[in-house]
Amino acid sequence: MHSYQTPNEIRIRVFIIISLMAILSALFLSRALEAIPITVPWYVETPSVLGFFGFFYWLYDRYIWRSCLFQRLTWLSIPDLNGSWEINVRTSHRDFQTETSGFATIRQTSSSIAIQLRFPESTSSSHTASLMRSDPLAPYTLIYIFQSIPKPKAISTMEIHLGTTQLAISDDQSKLEGDYYTGRGRNNYGSIEFHRK
């Protein structure tokens, strides 16, 4: 998995919330240890603000960002694209006459993502990505750069190449729709749709 870009204001808000929670947790633990008549041995390290921050950020990055509460808060939400997808592609290589089907797997945390596509003749994986929107109420757009590697049975004109995909994310996060283009070695473009399985 690789890191991906999200709106800066969301990351700032999350860091502020987690920082406040870490400070309050460290303060509460300190007061609780002072109130009880037990002395903590010197070899037992009590969590500091940074320790609590790391723990809370880990919880957020792996689990909390996907929760129903965070998904409903537009000022904190990041689309959850985890899962399996069915793909339909129309490409300039075939003059947009036929549709090629494939499958995708997206693995995602709040800070990392991996997008892998499988077609009969090739597989591709994302190298970089961003989830952006024009304003806080606008739908998200997923943009990523991929590398495509042909399978041994692919036609001889196929070769390893890079490309870029731009996808609009539906409000219910069940469909991604947009277009793609490839670079040197392929020079194709086309439309692509993802449907959540």
N, C-alpha and C. Protein backbone atom coordinates (compact mmCIF):
# COMPACT_ATOMS: atom_id res chain seq x y z
N MET A 1 0.85 -1.18 0.00
CA MET A 1 0.00 0.00 0.00
C MET A 1 0.89 1.24 0.00
N HIS A 2 0.39 2.31 -0.60
CA HIS A 2 1.13 3.56 -0.66
C HIS A 2 0.26 4.69 -0.11
N SER A 3 0.89 5.77 0.30
CA SER A 3 0.13 6.90 0.82
C SER A 3 -0.64 7.57 -0.31
N TYR A 4 -1.66 8.31 0.05
CA TYR A 4 -2.43 9.06 -0.93
C TYR A 4 -2.85 10.39 -0.35
N GLN A 5 -3.16 11.32 -1.23
CA GLN A 5 -3.49 12.68 -0.80
C GLN A 5 -4.99 12.79 -0.54
N THR A 6 -5.33 13.48 0.52
CA THR A 6 -6.71 13.85 0.83
C THR A 6 -6.72 15.34 1.14
N PRO A 7 -7.90 15.96 1.20
CA PRO A 7 -7.92 17.41 1.50
C PRO A 7 -7.20 17.74 2.80
N ASN A 8 -6.33 18.76 2.76
CA ASN A 8 -5.53 19.14 3.93
C ASN A 8 -6.38 19.50 5.13
N GLU A 9 -7.54 20.13 4.89
CA GLU A 9 -8.35 20.56 6.03
C GLU A 9 -8.86 19.38 6.86
N ILE A 10 -9.10 18.23 6.21
CA ILE A 10 -9.55 17.05 6.96
C ILE A 10 -8.42 16.54 7.84
N ARG A 11 -7.21 16.44 7.29
CA ARG A 11 -6.08 15.97 8.09
C ARG A 11 -5.81 16.91 9.26
N ILE A 12 -5.91 18.22 9.04
CA ILE A 12 -5.70 19.18 10.13
C ILE A 12 -6.73 18.99 11.23
N ARG A 13 -8.00 18.84 10.84
CA ARG A 13 -9.06 18.63 11.85
C ARG A 13 -8.83 17.35 12.65
N VAL A 14 -8.45 16.28 11.95
CA VAL A 14 -8.21 15.01 12.64
C VAL A 14 -7.04 15.14 13.60
N PHE A 15 -5.96 15.79 13.19
CA PHE A 15 -4.80 15.96 14.07
C PHE A 15 -5.16 16.80 15.29
N ILE A 16 -5.97 17.83 15.12
CA ILE A 16 -6.38 18.65 16.26
C ILE A 16 -7.21 17.82 17.24
N ILE A 17 -8.19 17.07 16.72
CA ILE A 17 -9.05 16.25 17.58
C ILE A 17 -8.22 15.22 18.34
N ILE A 18 -7.33 14.51 17.61
CA ILE A 18 -6.52 13.47 18.24
C ILE A 18 -5.55 14.08 19.26
N SER A 19 -4.99 15.25 18.95
CA SER A 19 -4.08 15.92 19.90
C SER A 19 -4.80 16.27 21.19
N LEU A 20 -6.01 16.83 21.08
CA LEU A 20 -6.79 17.17 22.28
C LEU A 20 -7.12 15.92 23.09
N MET A 21 -7.52 14.85 22.41
CA MET A 21 -7.82 13.60 23.12
C MET A 21 -6.58 13.05 23.82
N ALA A 22 -5.42 13.15 23.17
CA ALA A 22 -4.18 12.65 23.77
C ALA A 22 -3.80 13.47 25.01
N ILE A 23 -3.93 14.78 24.93
CA ILE A 23 -3.61 15.65 26.08
C ILE A 23 -4.55 15.34 27.25
N LEU A 24 -5.84 15.25 26.96
CA LEU A 24 -6.81 14.96 28.03
C LEU A 24 -6.60 13.58 28.63
N SER A 25 -6.26 12.59 27.80
CA SER A 25 -6.02 11.23 28.30
C SER A 25 -4.79 11.18 29.18
N ALA A 26 -3.71 11.85 28.77
CA ALA A 26 -2.49 11.87 29.59
C ALA A 26 -2.74 12.59 30.91
N LEU A 27 -3.50 13.70 30.86
CA LEU A 27 -3.84 14.43 32.09
C LEU A 27 -4.69 13.57 33.02
N PHE A 28 -5.68 12.89 32.46
CA PHE A 28 -6.55 12.02 33.28
C PHE A 28 -5.74 10.90 33.91
N LEU A 29 -4.84 10.28 33.16
CA LEU A 29 -4.02 9.19 33.70
C LEU A 29 -3.12 9.71 34.81
N SER A 30 -2.53 10.89 34.61
CA SER A 30 -1.67 11.48 35.63
C SER A 30 -2.43 11.74 36.93
N ARG A 31 -3.62 12.33 36.80
CA ARG A 31 -4.45 12.61 37.99
C ARG A 31 -4.90 11.32 38.67
N ALA A 32 -5.23 10.30 37.85
CA ALA A 32 -5.68 9.03 38.43
C ALA A 32 -4.55 8.35 39.21
N LEU A 33 -3.33 8.41 38.68
CA LEU A 33 -2.20 7.80 39.38
C LEU A 33 -1.86 8.55 40.65
N GLU A 34 -2.06 9.87 40.66
CA GLU A 34 -1.83 10.64 41.89
C GLU A 34 -2.87 10.33 42.95
N ALA A 35 -4.09 10.02 42.50
CA ALA A 35 -5.20 9.80 43.44
C ALA A 35 -5.14 8.45 44.14
N ILE A 36 -4.57 7.46 43.47
CA ILE A 36 -4.51 6.14 44.10
C ILE A 36 -3.23 6.03 44.92
N PRO A 37 -3.28 5.27 46.03
CA PRO A 37 -2.11 5.21 46.92
C PRO A 37 -1.05 4.20 46.46
N ILE A 38 -1.02 3.88 45.17
CA ILE A 38 -0.05 2.91 44.67
C ILE A 38 1.03 3.66 43.90
N THR A 39 2.27 3.35 44.20
CA THR A 39 3.39 3.95 43.47
C THR A 39 3.73 3.08 42.28
N VAL A 40 3.80 3.69 41.14
CA VAL A 40 4.14 2.95 39.93
C VAL A 40 5.64 2.72 39.93
N PRO A 41 6.08 1.45 39.72
CA PRO A 41 7.52 1.18 39.72
C PRO A 41 8.25 1.97 38.62
N TRP A 42 9.54 2.21 38.85
CA TRP A 42 10.33 3.02 37.93
C TRP A 42 10.42 2.40 36.53
N TYR A 43 10.31 1.06 36.46
CA TYR A 43 10.48 0.38 35.17
C TYR A 43 9.18 0.31 34.35
N VAL A 44 8.08 0.82 34.91
CA VAL A 44 6.81 0.85 34.18
C VAL A 44 6.65 2.26 33.61
N GLU A 45 6.65 2.36 32.32
CA GLU A 45 6.53 3.65 31.64
C GLU A 45 5.06 3.98 31.45
N THR A 46 4.64 5.12 31.99
CA THR A 46 3.25 5.53 31.76
C THR A 46 3.15 6.26 30.43
N PRO A 47 2.07 6.05 29.70
CA PRO A 47 1.96 6.70 28.39
C PRO A 47 1.98 8.22 28.50
N SER A 48 2.74 8.83 27.61
CA SER A 48 2.80 10.29 27.54
C SER A 48 1.76 10.77 26.53
N VAL A 49 1.74 12.08 26.31
CA VAL A 49 0.84 12.64 25.30
C VAL A 49 1.14 12.01 23.94
N LEU A 50 2.42 11.85 23.62
CA LEU A 50 2.79 11.25 22.32
C LEU A 50 2.36 9.80 22.24
N GLY A 51 2.46 9.08 23.34
CA GLY A 51 2.01 7.68 23.36
C GLY A 51 0.52 7.57 23.08
N PHE A 52 -0.27 8.42 23.76
CA PHE A 52 -1.71 8.42 23.51
C PHE A 52 -2.02 8.86 22.08
N PHE A 53 -1.29 9.87 21.59
CA PHE A 53 -1.52 10.35 20.23
C PHE A 53 -1.29 9.22 19.23
N GLY A 54 -0.18 8.50 19.38
CA GLY A 54 0.11 7.39 18.47
C GLY A 54 -0.96 6.32 18.50
N PHE A 55 -1.44 5.99 19.71
CA PHE A 55 -2.48 4.97 19.83
C PHE A 55 -3.79 5.43 19.19
N PHE A 56 -4.20 6.67 19.50
CA PHE A 56 -5.45 7.17 18.93
C PHE A 56 -5.36 7.31 17.41
N TYR A 57 -4.20 7.75 16.91
CA TYR A 57 -4.06 7.87 15.45
C TYR A 57 -4.11 6.51 14.77
N TRP A 58 -3.48 5.51 15.40
CA TRP A 58 -3.54 4.15 14.85
C TRP A 58 -4.99 3.66 14.79
N LEU A 59 -5.76 3.88 15.86
CA LEU A 59 -7.17 3.49 15.87
C LEU A 59 -7.94 4.20 14.77
N TYR A 60 -7.71 5.50 14.63
CA TYR A 60 -8.40 6.27 13.60
C TYR A 60 -8.02 5.77 12.20
N ASP A 61 -6.72 5.61 11.96
CA ASP A 61 -6.24 5.25 10.63
C ASP A 61 -6.76 3.88 10.19
N ARG A 62 -6.85 2.94 11.12
CA ARG A 62 -7.27 1.58 10.76
C ARG A 62 -8.79 1.39 10.80
N TYR A 63 -9.46 1.98 11.76
CA TYR A 63 -10.86 1.62 11.99
C TYR A 63 -11.83 2.80 12.03
N ILE A 64 -11.54 3.81 12.85
CA ILE A 64 -12.53 4.83 13.17
C ILE A 64 -12.97 5.63 11.95
N TRP A 65 -12.05 5.95 11.02
CA TRP A 65 -12.41 6.75 9.85
C TRP A 65 -13.50 6.10 9.01
N ARG A 66 -13.61 4.76 9.09
CA ARG A 66 -14.60 4.03 8.30
C ARG A 66 -15.97 3.94 8.99
N SER A 67 -16.04 4.37 10.26
CA SER A 67 -17.27 4.22 11.02
C SER A 67 -18.40 5.07 10.43
N CYS A 68 -19.63 4.66 10.71
CA CYS A 68 -20.81 5.38 10.21
C CYS A 68 -20.78 6.84 10.62
N LEU A 69 -20.35 7.11 11.86
CA LEU A 69 -20.32 8.49 12.35
C LEU A 69 -19.40 9.35 11.49
N PHE A 70 -18.18 8.89 11.26
CA PHE A 70 -17.22 9.68 10.48
C PHE A 70 -17.64 9.79 9.02
N GLN A 71 -18.29 8.76 8.49
CA GLN A 71 -18.73 8.80 7.10
C GLN A 71 -19.88 9.80 6.91
N ARG A 72 -20.62 10.09 7.99
CA ARG A 72 -21.73 11.04 7.89
C ARG A 72 -21.30 12.49 8.08
N LEU A 73 -20.14 12.70 8.69
CA LEU A 73 -19.65 14.06 8.94
C LEU A 73 -18.89 14.56 7.72
N THR A 74 -19.50 15.42 6.92
CA THR A 74 -18.86 15.86 5.68
C THR A 74 -17.53 16.58 5.93
N TRP A 75 -17.36 17.20 7.08
CA TRP A 75 -16.12 17.92 7.36
C TRP A 75 -15.00 17.01 7.85
N LEU A 76 -15.30 15.69 8.01
CA LEU A 76 -14.28 14.72 8.41
C LEU A 76 -14.23 13.49 7.51
N SER A 77 -15.19 13.33 6.63
CA SER A 77 -15.33 12.05 5.91
C SER A 77 -14.34 11.91 4.76
N ILE A 78 -13.84 10.69 4.61
CA ILE A 78 -13.03 10.26 3.48
C ILE A 78 -13.75 9.03 2.92
N PRO A 79 -14.01 8.98 1.62
CA PRO A 79 -14.73 7.83 1.07
C PRO A 79 -14.03 6.51 1.39
N ASP A 80 -14.83 5.51 1.76
CA ASP A 80 -14.32 4.18 2.05
C ASP A 80 -14.51 3.32 0.80
N LEU A 81 -13.43 3.08 0.08
CA LEU A 81 -13.49 2.34 -1.19
C LEU A 81 -13.01 0.90 -1.04
N ASN A 82 -12.78 0.45 0.17
CA ASN A 82 -12.33 -0.91 0.42
C ASN A 82 -13.28 -1.92 -0.20
N GLY A 83 -12.70 -2.98 -0.77
CA GLY A 83 -13.53 -4.08 -1.24
C GLY A 83 -13.23 -4.51 -2.65
N SER A 84 -14.15 -5.33 -3.18
CA SER A 84 -14.03 -5.87 -4.53
C SER A 84 -14.97 -5.14 -5.47
N TRP A 85 -14.52 -4.94 -6.69
CA TRP A 85 -15.27 -4.18 -7.68
C TRP A 85 -15.27 -4.91 -9.02
N GLU A 86 -16.37 -4.79 -9.75
CA GLU A 86 -16.41 -5.25 -11.13
C GLU A 86 -16.12 -4.04 -12.03
N ILE A 87 -15.35 -4.26 -13.10
CA ILE A 87 -14.92 -3.16 -13.96
C ILE A 87 -15.38 -3.40 -15.39
N ASN A 88 -15.80 -2.32 -16.04
CA ASN A 88 -16.11 -2.34 -17.46
C ASN A 88 -15.33 -1.22 -18.13
N VAL A 89 -14.63 -1.57 -19.23
CA VAL A 89 -13.76 -0.62 -19.92
C VAL A 89 -14.10 -0.60 -21.40
N ARG A 90 -14.17 0.60 -21.96
CA ARG A 90 -14.22 0.78 -23.41
C ARG A 90 -12.98 1.56 -23.81
N THR A 91 -12.21 1.01 -24.74
CA THR A 91 -10.90 1.57 -25.06
C THR A 91 -10.78 2.01 -26.52
N SER A 92 -9.95 3.00 -26.74
CA SER A 92 -9.69 3.47 -28.10
C SER A 92 -8.96 2.41 -28.92
N HIS A 93 -8.28 1.47 -28.25
CA HIS A 93 -7.58 0.40 -28.96
C HIS A 93 -8.54 -0.44 -29.80
N ARG A 94 -9.80 -0.55 -29.32
CA ARG A 94 -10.80 -1.31 -30.05
C ARG A 94 -11.90 -0.39 -30.59
N ASP A 95 -11.55 0.88 -30.80
CA ASP A 95 -12.49 1.87 -31.35
C ASP A 95 -13.79 1.96 -30.56
N PHE A 96 -13.71 1.70 -29.26
CA PHE A 96 -14.85 1.80 -28.34
C PHE A 96 -16.01 0.87 -28.73
N GLN A 97 -15.73 -0.15 -29.55
CA GLN A 97 -16.79 -1.03 -30.04
C GLN A 97 -17.13 -2.15 -29.07
N THR A 98 -16.14 -2.62 -28.33
CA THR A 98 -16.38 -3.73 -27.41
C THR A 98 -16.03 -3.30 -25.99
N GLU A 99 -16.65 -4.00 -25.04
CA GLU A 99 -16.43 -3.70 -23.63
C GLU A 99 -15.61 -4.82 -23.02
N THR A 100 -14.58 -4.44 -22.31
CA THR A 100 -13.74 -5.42 -21.61
C THR A 100 -14.10 -5.40 -20.13
N SER A 101 -14.27 -6.58 -19.56
CA SER A 101 -14.63 -6.70 -18.14
C SER A 101 -13.43 -7.16 -17.33
N GLY A 102 -13.40 -6.76 -16.09
CA GLY A 102 -12.34 -7.17 -15.20
C GLY A 102 -12.78 -7.02 -13.76
N PHE A 103 -11.83 -7.17 -12.85
CA PHE A 103 -12.11 -7.06 -11.43
C PHE A 103 -11.06 -6.20 -10.76
N ALA A 104 -11.45 -5.52 -9.72
CA ALA A 104 -10.52 -4.67 -8.96
C ALA A 104 -10.64 -4.98 -7.48
N THR A 105 -9.54 -4.82 -6.80
CA THR A 105 -9.50 -4.90 -5.34
C THR A 105 -8.89 -3.61 -4.83
N ILE A 106 -9.58 -2.96 -3.91
CA ILE A 106 -9.06 -1.73 -3.30
C ILE A 106 -8.89 -1.99 -1.81
N ARG A 107 -7.68 -1.77 -1.32
CA ARG A 107 -7.40 -1.83 0.11
C ARG A 107 -7.04 -0.42 0.56
N GLN A 108 -7.61 0.01 1.68
CA GLN A 108 -7.48 1.41 2.05
C GLN A 108 -7.54 1.60 3.56
N THR A 109 -6.69 2.50 4.06
CA THR A 109 -6.84 3.06 5.40
C THR A 109 -7.05 4.55 5.19
N SER A 110 -7.05 5.33 6.26
CA SER A 110 -7.22 6.78 6.07
C SER A 110 -5.98 7.41 5.46
N SER A 111 -4.83 6.70 5.50
CA SER A 111 -3.59 7.29 5.00
C SER A 111 -2.94 6.52 3.86
N SER A 112 -3.37 5.28 3.60
CA SER A 112 -2.76 4.46 2.57
C SER A 112 -3.82 3.80 1.70
N ILE A 113 -3.43 3.48 0.46
CA ILE A 113 -4.37 2.85 -0.46
C ILE A 113 -3.59 1.98 -1.45
N ALA A 114 -4.23 0.95 -1.96
CA ALA A 114 -3.68 0.14 -3.04
C ALA A 114 -4.84 -0.25 -3.93
N ILE A 115 -4.70 0.02 -5.23
CA ILE A 115 -5.74 -0.28 -6.21
C ILE A 115 -5.15 -1.27 -7.20
N GLN A 116 -5.75 -2.44 -7.29
CA GLN A 116 -5.24 -3.49 -8.18
C GLN A 116 -6.35 -3.93 -9.12
N LEU A 117 -6.08 -3.89 -10.43
CA LEU A 117 -7.04 -4.29 -11.45
C LEU A 117 -6.55 -5.55 -12.15
N ARG A 118 -7.49 -6.45 -12.46
CA ARG A 118 -7.17 -7.68 -13.16
C ARG A 118 -8.07 -7.82 -14.38
N PHE A 119 -7.46 -7.93 -15.54
CA PHE A 119 -8.16 -8.15 -16.80
C PHE A 119 -7.67 -9.45 -17.41
N PRO A 120 -8.38 -9.97 -18.41
CA PRO A 120 -7.94 -11.23 -19.03
C PRO A 120 -6.51 -11.18 -19.56
N GLU A 121 -6.05 -10.02 -20.04
CA GLU A 121 -4.73 -9.94 -20.66
C GLU A 121 -3.69 -9.16 -19.85
N SER A 122 -4.10 -8.56 -18.72
CA SER A 122 -3.14 -7.74 -17.97
C SER A 122 -3.59 -7.53 -16.53
N THR A 123 -2.65 -7.07 -15.73
CA THR A 123 -2.96 -6.62 -14.36
C THR A 123 -2.32 -5.24 -14.19
N SER A 124 -2.91 -4.44 -13.34
CA SER A 124 -2.32 -3.13 -13.08
C SER A 124 -2.44 -2.78 -11.60
N SER A 125 -1.50 -1.99 -11.12
CA SER A 125 -1.46 -1.59 -9.72
C SER A 125 -1.18 -0.10 -9.63
N SER A 126 -1.79 0.54 -8.65
CA SER A 126 -1.59 1.98 -8.46
C SER A 126 -0.22 2.25 -7.86
N HIS A 127 0.34 3.40 -8.21
CA HIS A 127 1.62 3.85 -7.65
C HIS A 127 1.43 5.07 -6.76
N THR A 128 0.56 5.99 -7.17
CA THR A 128 0.20 7.16 -6.38
C THR A 128 -1.29 7.40 -6.55
N ALA A 129 -1.88 8.13 -5.62
CA ALA A 129 -3.32 8.40 -5.72
C ALA A 129 -3.67 9.65 -4.92
N SER A 130 -4.82 10.21 -5.25
CA SER A 130 -5.38 11.32 -4.46
C SER A 130 -6.89 11.23 -4.49
N LEU A 131 -7.48 11.59 -3.38
CA LEU A 131 -8.95 11.70 -3.24
C LEU A 131 -9.23 13.17 -2.99
N MET A 132 -9.76 13.85 -3.98
CA MET A 132 -9.94 15.30 -3.88
C MET A 132 -11.37 15.69 -4.22
N ARG A 133 -11.74 16.90 -3.79
CA ARG A 133 -13.02 17.48 -4.16
C ARG A 133 -12.86 19.00 -4.27
N SER A 134 -13.70 19.61 -5.09
CA SER A 134 -13.55 21.03 -5.36
C SER A 134 -13.99 21.91 -4.19
N ASP A 135 -14.94 21.43 -3.39
CA ASP A 135 -15.35 22.15 -2.18
C ASP A 135 -15.90 21.13 -1.18
N PRO A 136 -16.10 21.51 0.09
CA PRO A 136 -16.48 20.54 1.12
C PRO A 136 -17.76 19.76 0.85
N LEU A 137 -18.66 20.27 0.02
CA LEU A 137 -19.91 19.56 -0.25
C LEU A 137 -19.91 18.85 -1.60
N ALA A 138 -18.86 19.02 -2.38
CA ALA A 138 -18.79 18.39 -3.71
C ALA A 138 -18.43 16.92 -3.57
N PRO A 139 -18.81 16.09 -4.56
CA PRO A 139 -18.41 14.68 -4.52
C PRO A 139 -16.89 14.54 -4.67
N TYR A 140 -16.37 13.45 -4.16
CA TYR A 140 -14.95 13.18 -4.28
C TYR A 140 -14.61 12.66 -5.68
N THR A 141 -13.36 12.89 -6.08
CA THR A 141 -12.80 12.33 -7.31
C THR A 141 -11.54 11.56 -6.92
N LEU A 142 -11.43 10.34 -7.42
CA LEU A 142 -10.23 9.53 -7.22
C LEU A 142 -9.36 9.62 -8.46
N ILE A 143 -8.13 10.04 -8.29
CA ILE A 143 -7.17 10.12 -9.39
C ILE A 143 -5.97 9.26 -8.99
N TYR A 144 -5.56 8.35 -9.87
CA TYR A 144 -4.38 7.56 -9.54
C TYR A 144 -3.56 7.23 -10.79
N ILE A 145 -2.26 7.03 -10.57
CA ILE A 145 -1.33 6.62 -11.62
C ILE A 145 -1.07 5.13 -11.42
N PHE A 146 -1.12 4.39 -12.51
CA PHE A 146 -0.96 2.94 -12.42
C PHE A 146 0.12 2.45 -13.37
N GLN A 147 0.59 1.25 -13.09
CA GLN A 147 1.46 0.53 -14.01
C GLN A 147 0.75 -0.74 -14.43
N SER A 148 0.65 -0.96 -15.73
CA SER A 148 -0.01 -2.14 -16.28
C SER A 148 1.03 -3.12 -16.80
N ILE A 149 0.86 -4.39 -16.42
CA ILE A 149 1.78 -5.44 -16.84
C ILE A 149 0.99 -6.50 -17.60
N PRO A 150 1.33 -6.75 -18.88
CA PRO A 150 0.60 -7.77 -19.65
C PRO A 150 0.89 -9.18 -19.15
N LYS A 151 -0.11 -10.06 -19.29
CA LYS A 151 0.09 -11.47 -18.97
C LYS A 151 0.77 -12.16 -20.15
N PRO A 152 1.34 -13.35 -19.93
CA PRO A 152 2.05 -14.05 -21.01
C PRO A 152 1.17 -14.30 -22.25
N LYS A 153 -0.14 -14.48 -22.05
CA LYS A 153 -1.00 -14.79 -23.20
C LYS A 153 -1.49 -13.53 -23.92
N ALA A 154 -1.07 -12.36 -23.47
CA ALA A 154 -1.52 -11.11 -24.09
C ALA A 154 -0.95 -10.99 -25.51
N ILE A 155 -1.60 -10.16 -26.33
CA ILE A 155 -1.12 -9.94 -27.69
C ILE A 155 0.26 -9.31 -27.67
N SER A 156 1.04 -9.54 -28.73
CA SER A 156 2.44 -9.14 -28.73
C SER A 156 2.65 -7.63 -28.68
N THR A 157 1.63 -6.85 -29.07
CA THR A 157 1.80 -5.39 -29.06
C THR A 157 1.67 -4.79 -27.66
N MET A 158 1.17 -5.59 -26.71
CA MET A 158 1.06 -5.08 -25.33
C MET A 158 2.42 -5.10 -24.67
N GLU A 159 2.72 -4.05 -23.92
CA GLU A 159 3.95 -3.99 -23.15
C GLU A 159 3.68 -3.25 -21.85
N ILE A 160 4.60 -3.32 -20.93
CA ILE A 160 4.44 -2.63 -19.65
C ILE A 160 4.34 -1.13 -19.92
N HIS A 161 3.36 -0.49 -19.27
CA HIS A 161 3.19 0.95 -19.49
C HIS A 161 2.55 1.59 -18.26
N LEU A 162 2.68 2.91 -18.18
CA LEU A 162 2.05 3.70 -17.11
C LEU A 162 0.79 4.36 -17.66
N GLY A 163 -0.10 4.72 -16.75
CA GLY A 163 -1.31 5.41 -17.15
C GLY A 163 -1.90 6.16 -15.98
N THR A 164 -2.93 6.94 -16.27
CA THR A 164 -3.62 7.74 -15.26
C THR A 164 -5.12 7.51 -15.38
N THR A 165 -5.78 7.36 -14.25
CA THR A 165 -7.23 7.18 -14.21
C THR A 165 -7.84 8.26 -13.34
N GLN A 166 -8.97 8.82 -13.77
CA GLN A 166 -9.72 9.79 -12.99
C GLN A 166 -11.15 9.31 -12.88
N LEU A 167 -11.65 9.15 -11.65
CA LEU A 167 -12.96 8.56 -11.40
C LEU A 167 -13.79 9.42 -10.46
N ALA A 168 -15.02 9.69 -10.86
CA ALA A 168 -15.98 10.37 -9.97
C ALA A 168 -16.61 9.31 -9.07
N ILE A 169 -16.73 9.60 -7.79
CA ILE A 169 -17.28 8.65 -6.82
C ILE A 169 -18.73 9.01 -6.56
N SER A 170 -19.62 8.02 -6.70
CA SER A 170 -21.05 8.27 -6.47
C SER A 170 -21.28 8.57 -4.99
N ASP A 171 -22.40 9.21 -4.68
CA ASP A 171 -22.70 9.59 -3.29
C ASP A 171 -22.76 8.40 -2.36
N ASP A 172 -23.28 7.26 -2.85
CA ASP A 172 -23.39 6.07 -1.98
C ASP A 172 -22.13 5.20 -2.05
N GLN A 173 -21.11 5.66 -2.76
CA GLN A 173 -19.81 4.99 -2.86
C GLN A 173 -19.92 3.58 -3.44
N SER A 174 -20.93 3.35 -4.29
CA SER A 174 -21.11 2.04 -4.91
C SER A 174 -20.65 2.03 -6.37
N LYS A 175 -20.31 3.20 -6.92
CA LYS A 175 -19.93 3.28 -8.32
C LYS A 175 -18.84 4.33 -8.51
N LEU A 176 -17.84 4.00 -9.30
CA LEU A 176 -16.79 4.92 -9.71
C LEU A 176 -16.84 4.99 -11.23
N GLU A 177 -16.83 6.19 -11.77
CA GLU A 177 -16.98 6.33 -13.22
C GLU A 177 -16.09 7.45 -13.73
N GLY A 178 -15.39 7.17 -14.84
CA GLY A 178 -14.53 8.21 -15.40
C GLY A 178 -13.80 7.72 -16.63
N ASP A 179 -12.56 8.20 -16.76
CA ASP A 179 -11.78 7.82 -17.93
C ASP A 179 -10.33 7.61 -17.54
N TYR A 180 -9.58 7.09 -18.51
CA TYR A 180 -8.17 6.83 -18.29
C TYR A 180 -7.40 7.09 -19.58
N TYR A 181 -6.11 7.25 -19.44
CA TYR A 181 -5.24 7.30 -20.61
C TYR A 181 -3.91 6.67 -20.23
N THR A 182 -3.22 6.15 -21.23
CA THR A 182 -1.95 5.49 -20.98
C THR A 182 -0.83 6.25 -21.67
N GLY A 183 0.38 6.01 -21.22
CA GLY A 183 1.53 6.72 -21.74
C GLY A 183 2.26 5.95 -22.81
N ARG A 184 3.51 6.28 -22.96
CA ARG A 184 4.37 5.70 -23.99
C ARG A 184 4.34 4.18 -23.92
N GLY A 185 4.27 3.55 -25.06
CA GLY A 185 4.23 2.10 -25.12
C GLY A 185 2.83 1.57 -25.36
N ARG A 186 1.81 2.42 -25.14
CA ARG A 186 0.43 1.96 -25.35
C ARG A 186 -0.40 3.05 -26.02
N ASN A 187 -0.38 4.25 -25.47
CA ASN A 187 -1.06 5.41 -26.05
C ASN A 187 -2.54 5.16 -26.34
N ASN A 188 -3.23 4.63 -25.36
CA ASN A 188 -4.68 4.41 -25.46
C ASN A 188 -5.40 5.31 -24.47
N TYR A 189 -6.68 5.45 -24.66
CA TYR A 189 -7.53 6.14 -23.71
C TYR A 189 -8.90 5.51 -23.78
N GLY A 190 -9.72 5.80 -22.79
CA GLY A 190 -11.05 5.20 -22.79
C GLY A 190 -11.84 5.54 -21.55
N SER A 191 -13.01 4.92 -21.45
CA SER A 191 -13.89 5.11 -20.29
C SER A 191 -13.81 3.87 -19.41
N ILE A 192 -14.03 4.08 -18.13
CA ILE A 192 -13.95 2.97 -17.18
C ILE A 192 -14.99 3.16 -16.08
N GLU A 193 -15.64 2.07 -15.68
CA GLU A 193 -16.62 2.08 -14.60
C GLU A 193 -16.29 0.99 -13.60
N PHE A 194 -16.38 1.33 -12.31
CA PHE A 194 -16.25 0.37 -11.23
C PHE A 194 -17.61 0.21 -10.57
N HIS A 195 -18.06 -1.01 -10.35
CA HIS A 195 -19.30 -1.28 -9.63
C HIS A 195 -18.97 -2.17 -8.45
N ARG A 196 -19.37 -1.74 -7.25
CA ARG A 196 -19.04 -2.50 -6.05
C ARG A 196 -19.76 -3.85 -6.07
N LYS A 197 -19.03 -4.91 -5.74
CA LYS A 197 -19.62 -6.25 -5.74
C LYS A 197 -20.38 -6.50 -4.43
